Amino acid sequence: LPQFYLGLAFSFGIPMAFAAVRSGVPSTAWLMFTANALWTLAYDTIYAMADKEDDLKIGIKTSAITFGDHDISASMLCHFWFTALMAVLGVKIGATWPYWIMLPAVVWLQIGQYHAIKTRDRQTCFKVFLDNNHIGLLWFLGLSGHYLWTVAATRL
């Protein structure tokens, strides 16, 4: 669970950053916070699946152990809601095409993760955990692309 808390702490920085520069925290910041918390729980559970046998032996209570035999379903459910909230965010911010082309790319990666982790192979689960940065990169590129497209459109 250390990755989960680190991810959650990072996610909490979103509303804190808004509060630092504005008089309040807009709903989009809380939406991003919730989406990031779900994404963190998804990849932390996948990470915990890699160590599940060892963690059971030493008595550590990870998300994969908490979810039991439903760890794959729980991880994919968190991925689903993460992506759904990112789609809601896109609607709220009036996202342009660079943002929206990332949605099917992210879903494609998540489907690939599902097929990989259902093997429950330790090395595969660990690799999937490490590759979650690709999902973050796609959303970062989508948000950045949306911003740059919007700035360019206002200057024309």
N, C-alpha and C. Protein backbone atom coordinates (compact mmCIF):
# COMPACT_ATOMS: atom_id res chain seq x y z
N LEU A 1 0.77 -1.22 0.00
CA LEU A 1 0.00 0.00 0.00
C LEU A 1 0.82 1.29 0.00
N PRO A 2 2.15 1.23 0.14
CA PRO A 2 2.88 2.50 0.11
C PRO A 2 2.67 3.28 -1.18
N GLN A 3 2.60 2.59 -2.33
CA GLN A 3 2.38 3.27 -3.60
C GLN A 3 1.02 3.94 -3.60
N PHE A 4 0.03 3.28 -3.00
CA PHE A 4 -1.31 3.85 -2.95
C PHE A 4 -1.29 5.17 -2.19
N TYR A 5 -0.64 5.19 -1.03
CA TYR A 5 -0.59 6.42 -0.25
C TYR A 5 0.22 7.51 -0.95
N LEU A 6 1.28 7.12 -1.63
CA LEU A 6 2.07 8.09 -2.38
C LEU A 6 1.24 8.67 -3.52
N GLY A 7 0.53 7.80 -4.24
CA GLY A 7 -0.34 8.27 -5.32
C GLY A 7 -1.46 9.15 -4.81
N LEU A 8 -2.02 8.77 -3.67
CA LEU A 8 -3.09 9.56 -3.08
C LEU A 8 -2.57 10.93 -2.64
N ALA A 9 -1.36 10.94 -2.07
CA ALA A 9 -0.77 12.22 -1.66
C ALA A 9 -0.54 13.11 -2.88
N PHE A 10 -0.06 12.51 -3.98
CA PHE A 10 0.12 13.27 -5.21
C PHE A 10 -1.23 13.79 -5.71
N SER A 11 -2.23 12.92 -5.67
CA SER A 11 -3.56 13.33 -6.13
C SER A 11 -4.12 14.47 -5.30
N PHE A 12 -3.87 14.45 -4.01
CA PHE A 12 -4.38 15.49 -3.14
C PHE A 12 -3.72 16.83 -3.45
N GLY A 13 -2.56 16.77 -4.09
CA GLY A 13 -1.89 18.01 -4.51
C GLY A 13 -2.69 18.78 -5.54
N ILE A 14 -3.56 18.09 -6.27
CA ILE A 14 -4.37 18.76 -7.29
C ILE A 14 -5.28 19.81 -6.65
N PRO A 15 -6.15 19.41 -5.69
CA PRO A 15 -6.98 20.46 -5.08
C PRO A 15 -6.17 21.48 -4.28
N MET A 16 -5.06 21.04 -3.69
CA MET A 16 -4.24 21.97 -2.92
C MET A 16 -3.64 23.03 -3.84
N ALA A 17 -3.21 22.63 -5.05
CA ALA A 17 -2.64 23.58 -6.00
C ALA A 17 -3.69 24.60 -6.43
N PHE A 18 -4.91 24.13 -6.67
CA PHE A 18 -5.98 25.06 -7.03
C PHE A 18 -6.26 26.03 -5.89
N ALA A 19 -6.30 25.50 -4.67
CA ALA A 19 -6.59 26.35 -3.52
C ALA A 19 -5.50 27.40 -3.31
N ALA A 20 -4.26 27.06 -3.69
CA ALA A 20 -3.15 28.00 -3.51
C ALA A 20 -3.25 29.20 -4.45
N VAL A 21 -3.82 29.01 -5.63
CA VAL A 21 -3.86 30.10 -6.59
C VAL A 21 -5.25 30.68 -6.80
N ARG A 22 -6.26 30.06 -6.22
CA ARG A 22 -7.63 30.55 -6.35
C ARG A 22 -8.25 30.65 -4.96
N SER A 23 -9.41 31.24 -4.89
CA SER A 23 -10.06 31.38 -3.59
C SER A 23 -10.75 30.10 -3.15
N GLY A 24 -10.86 29.13 -4.02
CA GLY A 24 -11.52 27.87 -3.68
C GLY A 24 -11.05 26.75 -4.58
N VAL A 25 -11.65 25.61 -4.38
CA VAL A 25 -11.29 24.44 -5.17
C VAL A 25 -12.46 24.10 -6.09
N PRO A 26 -12.27 24.22 -7.41
CA PRO A 26 -13.37 23.93 -8.34
C PRO A 26 -13.66 22.44 -8.41
N SER A 27 -14.82 22.12 -8.91
CA SER A 27 -15.23 20.72 -8.99
C SER A 27 -14.30 19.91 -9.90
N THR A 28 -13.70 20.55 -10.88
CA THR A 28 -12.78 19.81 -11.75
C THR A 28 -11.56 19.30 -10.99
N ALA A 29 -11.12 20.04 -10.00
CA ALA A 29 -9.98 19.59 -9.19
C ALA A 29 -10.37 18.36 -8.37
N TRP A 30 -11.54 18.36 -7.79
CA TRP A 30 -12.00 17.20 -7.02
C TRP A 30 -12.25 16.01 -7.94
N LEU A 31 -12.70 16.29 -9.14
CA LEU A 31 -12.90 15.23 -10.12
C LEU A 31 -11.56 14.58 -10.48
N MET A 32 -10.56 15.40 -10.72
CA MET A 32 -9.22 14.88 -11.01
C MET A 32 -8.65 14.13 -9.81
N PHE A 33 -8.89 14.65 -8.61
CA PHE A 33 -8.42 13.97 -7.41
C PHE A 33 -9.03 12.58 -7.30
N THR A 34 -10.34 12.48 -7.48
CA THR A 34 -11.03 11.19 -7.36
C THR A 34 -10.56 10.23 -8.45
N ALA A 35 -10.44 10.73 -9.67
CA ALA A 35 -9.96 9.89 -10.78
C ALA A 35 -8.56 9.37 -10.48
N ASN A 36 -7.68 10.24 -10.02
CA ASN A 36 -6.31 9.81 -9.72
C ASN A 36 -6.25 8.83 -8.55
N ALA A 37 -7.11 9.00 -7.56
CA ALA A 37 -7.15 8.05 -6.45
C ALA A 37 -7.58 6.66 -6.94
N LEU A 38 -8.55 6.63 -7.85
CA LEU A 38 -8.99 5.34 -8.42
C LEU A 38 -7.90 4.71 -9.27
N TRP A 39 -7.21 5.52 -10.05
CA TRP A 39 -6.11 4.99 -10.86
C TRP A 39 -5.01 4.44 -9.96
N THR A 40 -4.70 5.16 -8.90
CA THR A 40 -3.68 4.70 -7.96
C THR A 40 -4.07 3.37 -7.33
N LEU A 41 -5.33 3.25 -6.92
CA LEU A 41 -5.79 1.99 -6.34
C LEU A 41 -5.72 0.86 -7.37
N ALA A 42 -6.01 1.15 -8.63
CA ALA A 42 -5.94 0.13 -9.68
C ALA A 42 -4.51 -0.38 -9.83
N TYR A 43 -3.55 0.52 -10.02
CA TYR A 43 -2.19 0.03 -10.25
C TYR A 43 -1.53 -0.48 -8.98
N ASP A 44 -1.93 0.03 -7.81
CA ASP A 44 -1.39 -0.51 -6.57
C ASP A 44 -1.88 -1.94 -6.34
N THR A 45 -3.11 -2.21 -6.70
CA THR A 45 -3.63 -3.57 -6.57
C THR A 45 -2.89 -4.52 -7.50
N ILE A 46 -2.60 -4.07 -8.71
CA ILE A 46 -1.83 -4.89 -9.65
C ILE A 46 -0.44 -5.15 -9.09
N TYR A 47 0.17 -4.13 -8.51
CA TYR A 47 1.48 -4.31 -7.87
C TYR A 47 1.40 -5.31 -6.73
N ALA A 48 0.36 -5.19 -5.93
CA ALA A 48 0.19 -6.09 -4.79
C ALA A 48 -0.06 -7.53 -5.23
N MET A 49 -0.64 -7.71 -6.41
CA MET A 49 -0.85 -9.06 -6.92
C MET A 49 0.47 -9.77 -7.16
N ALA A 50 1.51 -9.01 -7.52
CA ALA A 50 2.82 -9.59 -7.76
C ALA A 50 3.43 -10.15 -6.48
N ASP A 51 3.11 -9.57 -5.35
CA ASP A 51 3.67 -9.98 -4.06
C ASP A 51 2.67 -10.69 -3.16
N LYS A 52 1.55 -11.08 -3.70
CA LYS A 52 0.44 -11.58 -2.89
C LYS A 52 0.85 -12.78 -2.02
N GLU A 53 1.54 -13.74 -2.62
CA GLU A 53 1.94 -14.94 -1.86
C GLU A 53 2.83 -14.57 -0.68
N ASP A 54 3.83 -13.74 -0.93
CA ASP A 54 4.75 -13.33 0.14
C ASP A 54 4.03 -12.51 1.20
N ASP A 55 3.15 -11.62 0.77
CA ASP A 55 2.42 -10.77 1.72
C ASP A 55 1.49 -11.59 2.61
N LEU A 56 0.90 -12.65 2.05
CA LEU A 56 0.06 -13.53 2.86
C LEU A 56 0.88 -14.25 3.93
N LYS A 57 2.11 -14.65 3.57
CA LYS A 57 2.98 -15.35 4.52
C LYS A 57 3.38 -14.46 5.69
N ILE A 58 3.63 -13.18 5.41
CA ILE A 58 4.10 -12.30 6.50
C ILE A 58 2.99 -11.48 7.12
N GLY A 59 1.77 -11.63 6.60
CA GLY A 59 0.61 -11.00 7.23
C GLY A 59 0.36 -9.55 6.87
N ILE A 60 0.90 -9.09 5.76
CA ILE A 60 0.64 -7.72 5.32
C ILE A 60 -0.72 -7.68 4.64
N LYS A 61 -1.50 -6.66 4.93
CA LYS A 61 -2.84 -6.51 4.36
C LYS A 61 -2.78 -5.53 3.19
N THR A 62 -2.60 -6.05 1.99
CA THR A 62 -2.55 -5.20 0.80
C THR A 62 -3.93 -5.14 0.15
N SER A 63 -4.05 -4.29 -0.85
CA SER A 63 -5.33 -4.20 -1.55
C SER A 63 -5.65 -5.51 -2.26
N ALA A 64 -4.65 -6.18 -2.82
CA ALA A 64 -4.90 -7.46 -3.50
C ALA A 64 -5.40 -8.51 -2.51
N ILE A 65 -4.89 -8.50 -1.30
CA ILE A 65 -5.35 -9.45 -0.27
C ILE A 65 -6.74 -9.05 0.20
N THR A 66 -6.96 -7.77 0.38
CA THR A 66 -8.28 -7.30 0.81
C THR A 66 -9.35 -7.69 -0.20
N PHE A 67 -9.05 -7.54 -1.49
CA PHE A 67 -10.02 -7.89 -2.52
C PHE A 67 -10.12 -9.39 -2.76
N GLY A 68 -9.15 -10.15 -2.26
CA GLY A 68 -9.18 -11.60 -2.38
C GLY A 68 -9.17 -12.06 -3.83
N ASP A 69 -10.05 -13.00 -4.13
CA ASP A 69 -10.14 -13.53 -5.50
C ASP A 69 -10.71 -12.52 -6.49
N HIS A 70 -11.18 -11.40 -5.98
CA HIS A 70 -11.76 -10.36 -6.83
C HIS A 70 -10.76 -9.24 -7.13
N ASP A 71 -9.48 -9.50 -6.89
CA ASP A 71 -8.47 -8.46 -7.09
C ASP A 71 -8.40 -7.96 -8.53
N ILE A 72 -8.54 -8.86 -9.48
CA ILE A 72 -8.51 -8.44 -10.88
C ILE A 72 -9.73 -7.59 -11.20
N SER A 73 -10.89 -8.06 -10.76
CA SER A 73 -12.13 -7.31 -11.00
C SER A 73 -12.07 -5.94 -10.34
N ALA A 74 -11.56 -5.89 -9.11
CA ALA A 74 -11.48 -4.62 -8.39
C ALA A 74 -10.54 -3.65 -9.11
N SER A 75 -9.41 -4.16 -9.56
CA SER A 75 -8.46 -3.31 -10.26
C SER A 75 -9.07 -2.77 -11.56
N MET A 76 -9.73 -3.63 -12.29
CA MET A 76 -10.33 -3.19 -13.56
C MET A 76 -11.53 -2.27 -13.32
N LEU A 77 -12.26 -2.48 -12.24
CA LEU A 77 -13.36 -1.58 -11.90
C LEU A 77 -12.82 -0.19 -11.57
N CYS A 78 -11.71 -0.14 -10.85
CA CYS A 78 -11.07 1.16 -10.56
C CYS A 78 -10.59 1.82 -11.85
N HIS A 79 -10.00 1.01 -12.75
CA HIS A 79 -9.59 1.56 -14.05
C HIS A 79 -10.80 2.10 -14.82
N PHE A 80 -11.91 1.36 -14.81
CA PHE A 80 -13.11 1.80 -15.52
C PHE A 80 -13.58 3.15 -15.00
N TRP A 81 -13.70 3.27 -13.67
CA TRP A 81 -14.21 4.52 -13.11
C TRP A 81 -13.22 5.66 -13.26
N PHE A 82 -11.93 5.34 -13.21
CA PHE A 82 -10.90 6.35 -13.49
C PHE A 82 -11.11 6.93 -14.88
N THR A 83 -11.26 6.06 -15.87
CA THR A 83 -11.43 6.50 -17.25
C THR A 83 -12.76 7.21 -17.44
N ALA A 84 -13.80 6.71 -16.79
CA ALA A 84 -15.11 7.37 -16.89
C ALA A 84 -15.04 8.79 -16.32
N LEU A 85 -14.35 8.95 -15.20
CA LEU A 85 -14.22 10.29 -14.61
C LEU A 85 -13.35 11.20 -15.48
N MET A 86 -12.37 10.63 -16.14
CA MET A 86 -11.56 11.43 -17.07
C MET A 86 -12.41 11.87 -18.26
N ALA A 87 -13.35 11.04 -18.68
CA ALA A 87 -14.27 11.43 -19.76
C ALA A 87 -15.19 12.55 -19.28
N VAL A 88 -15.68 12.43 -18.05
CA VAL A 88 -16.52 13.50 -17.47
C VAL A 88 -15.71 14.79 -17.39
N LEU A 89 -14.46 14.68 -16.98
CA LEU A 89 -13.58 15.86 -16.93
C LEU A 89 -13.46 16.48 -18.31
N GLY A 90 -13.29 15.65 -19.33
CA GLY A 90 -13.19 16.16 -20.69
C GLY A 90 -14.41 16.95 -21.10
N VAL A 91 -15.58 16.45 -20.72
CA VAL A 91 -16.82 17.18 -21.03
C VAL A 91 -16.85 18.50 -20.27
N LYS A 92 -16.48 18.47 -18.98
CA LYS A 92 -16.53 19.68 -18.16
C LYS A 92 -15.59 20.77 -18.66
N ILE A 93 -14.44 20.38 -19.18
CA ILE A 93 -13.48 21.40 -19.62
C ILE A 93 -13.64 21.72 -21.11
N GLY A 94 -14.60 21.08 -21.76
CA GLY A 94 -14.79 21.31 -23.19
C GLY A 94 -13.58 20.86 -23.99
N ALA A 95 -13.09 19.67 -23.66
CA ALA A 95 -11.85 19.18 -24.25
C ALA A 95 -11.92 19.10 -25.77
N THR A 96 -10.78 19.40 -26.37
CA THR A 96 -10.64 19.34 -27.82
C THR A 96 -10.09 17.98 -28.24
N TRP A 97 -9.94 17.81 -29.54
CA TRP A 97 -9.58 16.50 -30.09
C TRP A 97 -8.31 15.89 -29.50
N PRO A 98 -7.24 16.62 -29.14
CA PRO A 98 -6.07 15.94 -28.58
C PRO A 98 -6.39 15.17 -27.29
N TYR A 99 -7.32 15.69 -26.53
CA TYR A 99 -7.73 15.01 -25.30
C TYR A 99 -8.50 13.74 -25.63
N TRP A 100 -9.44 13.86 -26.55
CA TRP A 100 -10.36 12.75 -26.83
C TRP A 100 -9.70 11.59 -27.55
N ILE A 101 -8.62 11.83 -28.29
CA ILE A 101 -7.98 10.68 -28.94
C ILE A 101 -7.22 9.81 -27.95
N MET A 102 -6.99 10.35 -26.75
CA MET A 102 -6.32 9.54 -25.73
C MET A 102 -7.27 8.54 -25.07
N LEU A 103 -8.55 8.84 -25.07
CA LEU A 103 -9.52 7.95 -24.42
C LEU A 103 -9.47 6.52 -24.97
N PRO A 104 -9.61 6.30 -26.28
CA PRO A 104 -9.54 4.91 -26.76
C PRO A 104 -8.15 4.29 -26.57
N ALA A 105 -7.11 5.12 -26.62
CA ALA A 105 -5.76 4.60 -26.39
C ALA A 105 -5.61 4.08 -24.96
N VAL A 106 -6.14 4.84 -24.00
CA VAL A 106 -6.09 4.41 -22.59
C VAL A 106 -6.91 3.14 -22.40
N VAL A 107 -8.10 3.10 -22.97
CA VAL A 107 -8.95 1.90 -22.85
C VAL A 107 -8.24 0.69 -23.46
N TRP A 108 -7.56 0.88 -24.58
CA TRP A 108 -6.81 -0.20 -25.20
C TRP A 108 -5.73 -0.72 -24.25
N LEU A 109 -5.00 0.18 -23.60
CA LEU A 109 -3.98 -0.24 -22.64
C LEU A 109 -4.61 -0.98 -21.46
N GLN A 110 -5.74 -0.50 -20.98
CA GLN A 110 -6.40 -1.15 -19.84
C GLN A 110 -6.89 -2.54 -20.21
N ILE A 111 -7.40 -2.71 -21.40
CA ILE A 111 -7.83 -4.04 -21.85
C ILE A 111 -6.62 -4.97 -21.91
N GLY A 112 -5.51 -4.46 -22.42
CA GLY A 112 -4.27 -5.24 -22.43
C GLY A 112 -3.82 -5.61 -21.03
N GLN A 113 -3.98 -4.69 -20.08
CA GLN A 113 -3.62 -4.99 -18.70
C GLN A 113 -4.48 -6.12 -18.15
N TYR A 114 -5.77 -6.06 -18.44
CA TYR A 114 -6.67 -7.11 -17.97
C TYR A 114 -6.20 -8.48 -18.48
N HIS A 115 -5.93 -8.57 -19.76
CA HIS A 115 -5.51 -9.86 -20.34
C HIS A 115 -4.19 -10.32 -19.75
N ALA A 116 -3.32 -9.39 -19.41
CA ALA A 116 -2.03 -9.76 -18.83
C ALA A 116 -2.17 -10.22 -17.38
N ILE A 117 -2.91 -9.48 -16.57
CA ILE A 117 -2.96 -9.82 -15.14
C ILE A 117 -3.86 -11.00 -14.83
N LYS A 118 -4.74 -11.37 -15.74
CA LYS A 118 -5.60 -12.53 -15.45
C LYS A 118 -4.79 -13.82 -15.41
N THR A 119 -3.54 -13.76 -15.87
CA THR A 119 -2.65 -14.92 -15.75
C THR A 119 -2.18 -15.08 -14.31
N ARG A 120 -2.21 -13.98 -13.55
CA ARG A 120 -1.74 -13.93 -12.16
C ARG A 120 -0.25 -14.25 -12.02
N ASP A 121 0.46 -14.17 -13.11
CA ASP A 121 1.90 -14.39 -13.08
C ASP A 121 2.57 -13.20 -12.41
N ARG A 122 3.44 -13.48 -11.45
CA ARG A 122 4.07 -12.41 -10.67
C ARG A 122 4.84 -11.42 -11.53
N GLN A 123 5.67 -11.94 -12.41
CA GLN A 123 6.48 -11.05 -13.26
C GLN A 123 5.61 -10.21 -14.20
N THR A 124 4.56 -10.84 -14.71
CA THR A 124 3.65 -10.12 -15.61
C THR A 124 2.93 -9.01 -14.86
N CYS A 125 2.42 -9.32 -13.67
CA CYS A 125 1.73 -8.30 -12.87
C CYS A 125 2.67 -7.15 -12.54
N PHE A 126 3.92 -7.47 -12.21
CA PHE A 126 4.87 -6.41 -11.90
C PHE A 126 5.15 -5.55 -13.13
N LYS A 127 5.29 -6.18 -14.30
CA LYS A 127 5.51 -5.42 -15.53
C LYS A 127 4.31 -4.53 -15.84
N VAL A 128 3.10 -5.05 -15.65
CA VAL A 128 1.90 -4.25 -15.88
C VAL A 128 1.88 -3.05 -14.93
N PHE A 129 2.25 -3.27 -13.67
CA PHE A 129 2.34 -2.17 -12.71
C PHE A 129 3.30 -1.10 -13.22
N LEU A 130 4.48 -1.52 -13.66
CA LEU A 130 5.47 -0.56 -14.14
C LEU A 130 5.00 0.18 -15.39
N ASP A 131 4.23 -0.51 -16.22
CA ASP A 131 3.77 0.10 -17.47
C ASP A 131 2.58 1.05 -17.29
N ASN A 132 2.06 1.19 -16.07
CA ASN A 132 0.95 2.11 -15.84
C ASN A 132 1.32 3.55 -16.11
N ASN A 133 2.62 3.83 -16.14
CA ASN A 133 3.03 5.20 -16.46
C ASN A 133 2.61 5.57 -17.89
N HIS A 134 2.39 4.57 -18.74
CA HIS A 134 1.93 4.87 -20.11
C HIS A 134 0.53 5.48 -20.09
N ILE A 135 -0.31 4.99 -19.19
CA ILE A 135 -1.66 5.56 -19.05
C ILE A 135 -1.56 7.00 -18.58
N GLY A 136 -0.74 7.24 -17.58
CA GLY A 136 -0.54 8.61 -17.11
C GLY A 136 0.03 9.52 -18.19
N LEU A 137 0.96 8.99 -18.97
CA LEU A 137 1.55 9.78 -20.05
C LEU A 137 0.50 10.14 -21.10
N LEU A 138 -0.36 9.18 -21.46
CA LEU A 138 -1.39 9.47 -22.45
C LEU A 138 -2.33 10.58 -21.98
N TRP A 139 -2.78 10.49 -20.72
CA TRP A 139 -3.67 11.55 -20.22
C TRP A 139 -2.94 12.88 -20.11
N PHE A 140 -1.67 12.86 -19.72
CA PHE A 140 -0.88 14.09 -19.67
C PHE A 140 -0.78 14.71 -21.07
N LEU A 141 -0.49 13.88 -22.06
CA LEU A 141 -0.40 14.38 -23.43
C LEU A 141 -1.74 14.89 -23.92
N GLY A 142 -2.81 14.20 -23.53
CA GLY A 142 -4.15 14.66 -23.92
C GLY A 142 -4.49 16.01 -23.32
N LEU A 143 -4.21 16.18 -22.03
CA LEU A 143 -4.47 17.47 -21.37
C LEU A 143 -3.58 18.57 -21.93
N SER A 144 -2.31 18.24 -22.13
CA SER A 144 -1.37 19.24 -22.68
C SER A 144 -1.75 19.61 -24.10
N GLY A 145 -2.10 18.59 -24.89
CA GLY A 145 -2.51 18.85 -26.27
C GLY A 145 -3.76 19.70 -26.34
N HIS A 146 -4.72 19.41 -25.44
CA HIS A 146 -5.93 20.22 -25.38
C HIS A 146 -5.58 21.67 -25.05
N TYR A 147 -4.74 21.86 -24.08
CA TYR A 147 -4.34 23.22 -23.68
C TYR A 147 -3.65 23.95 -24.83
N LEU A 148 -2.70 23.29 -25.47
CA LEU A 148 -1.97 23.92 -26.56
C LEU A 148 -2.89 24.22 -27.75
N TRP A 149 -3.79 23.31 -28.05
CA TRP A 149 -4.75 23.53 -29.14
C TRP A 149 -5.66 24.71 -28.83
N THR A 150 -6.09 24.79 -27.58
CA THR A 150 -6.96 25.89 -27.17
C THR A 150 -6.23 27.23 -27.23
N VAL A 151 -4.99 27.25 -26.77
CA VAL A 151 -4.18 28.48 -26.81
C VAL A 151 -3.95 28.89 -28.27
N ALA A 152 -3.62 27.94 -29.11
CA ALA A 152 -3.36 28.24 -30.52
C ALA A 152 -4.64 28.76 -31.19
N ALA A 153 -5.78 28.18 -30.86
CA ALA A 153 -7.05 28.60 -31.47
C ALA A 153 -7.43 30.01 -31.05
N THR A 154 -7.09 30.41 -29.84
CA THR A 154 -7.46 31.76 -29.37
C THR A 154 -6.54 32.81 -29.97
N ARG A 155 -5.38 32.41 -30.42
CA ARG A 155 -4.42 33.37 -31.01
C ARG A 155 -4.63 33.59 -32.48
N LEU A 156 -5.46 32.76 -33.11
CA LEU A 156 -5.69 32.92 -34.55
C LEU A 156 -6.67 34.00 -34.86
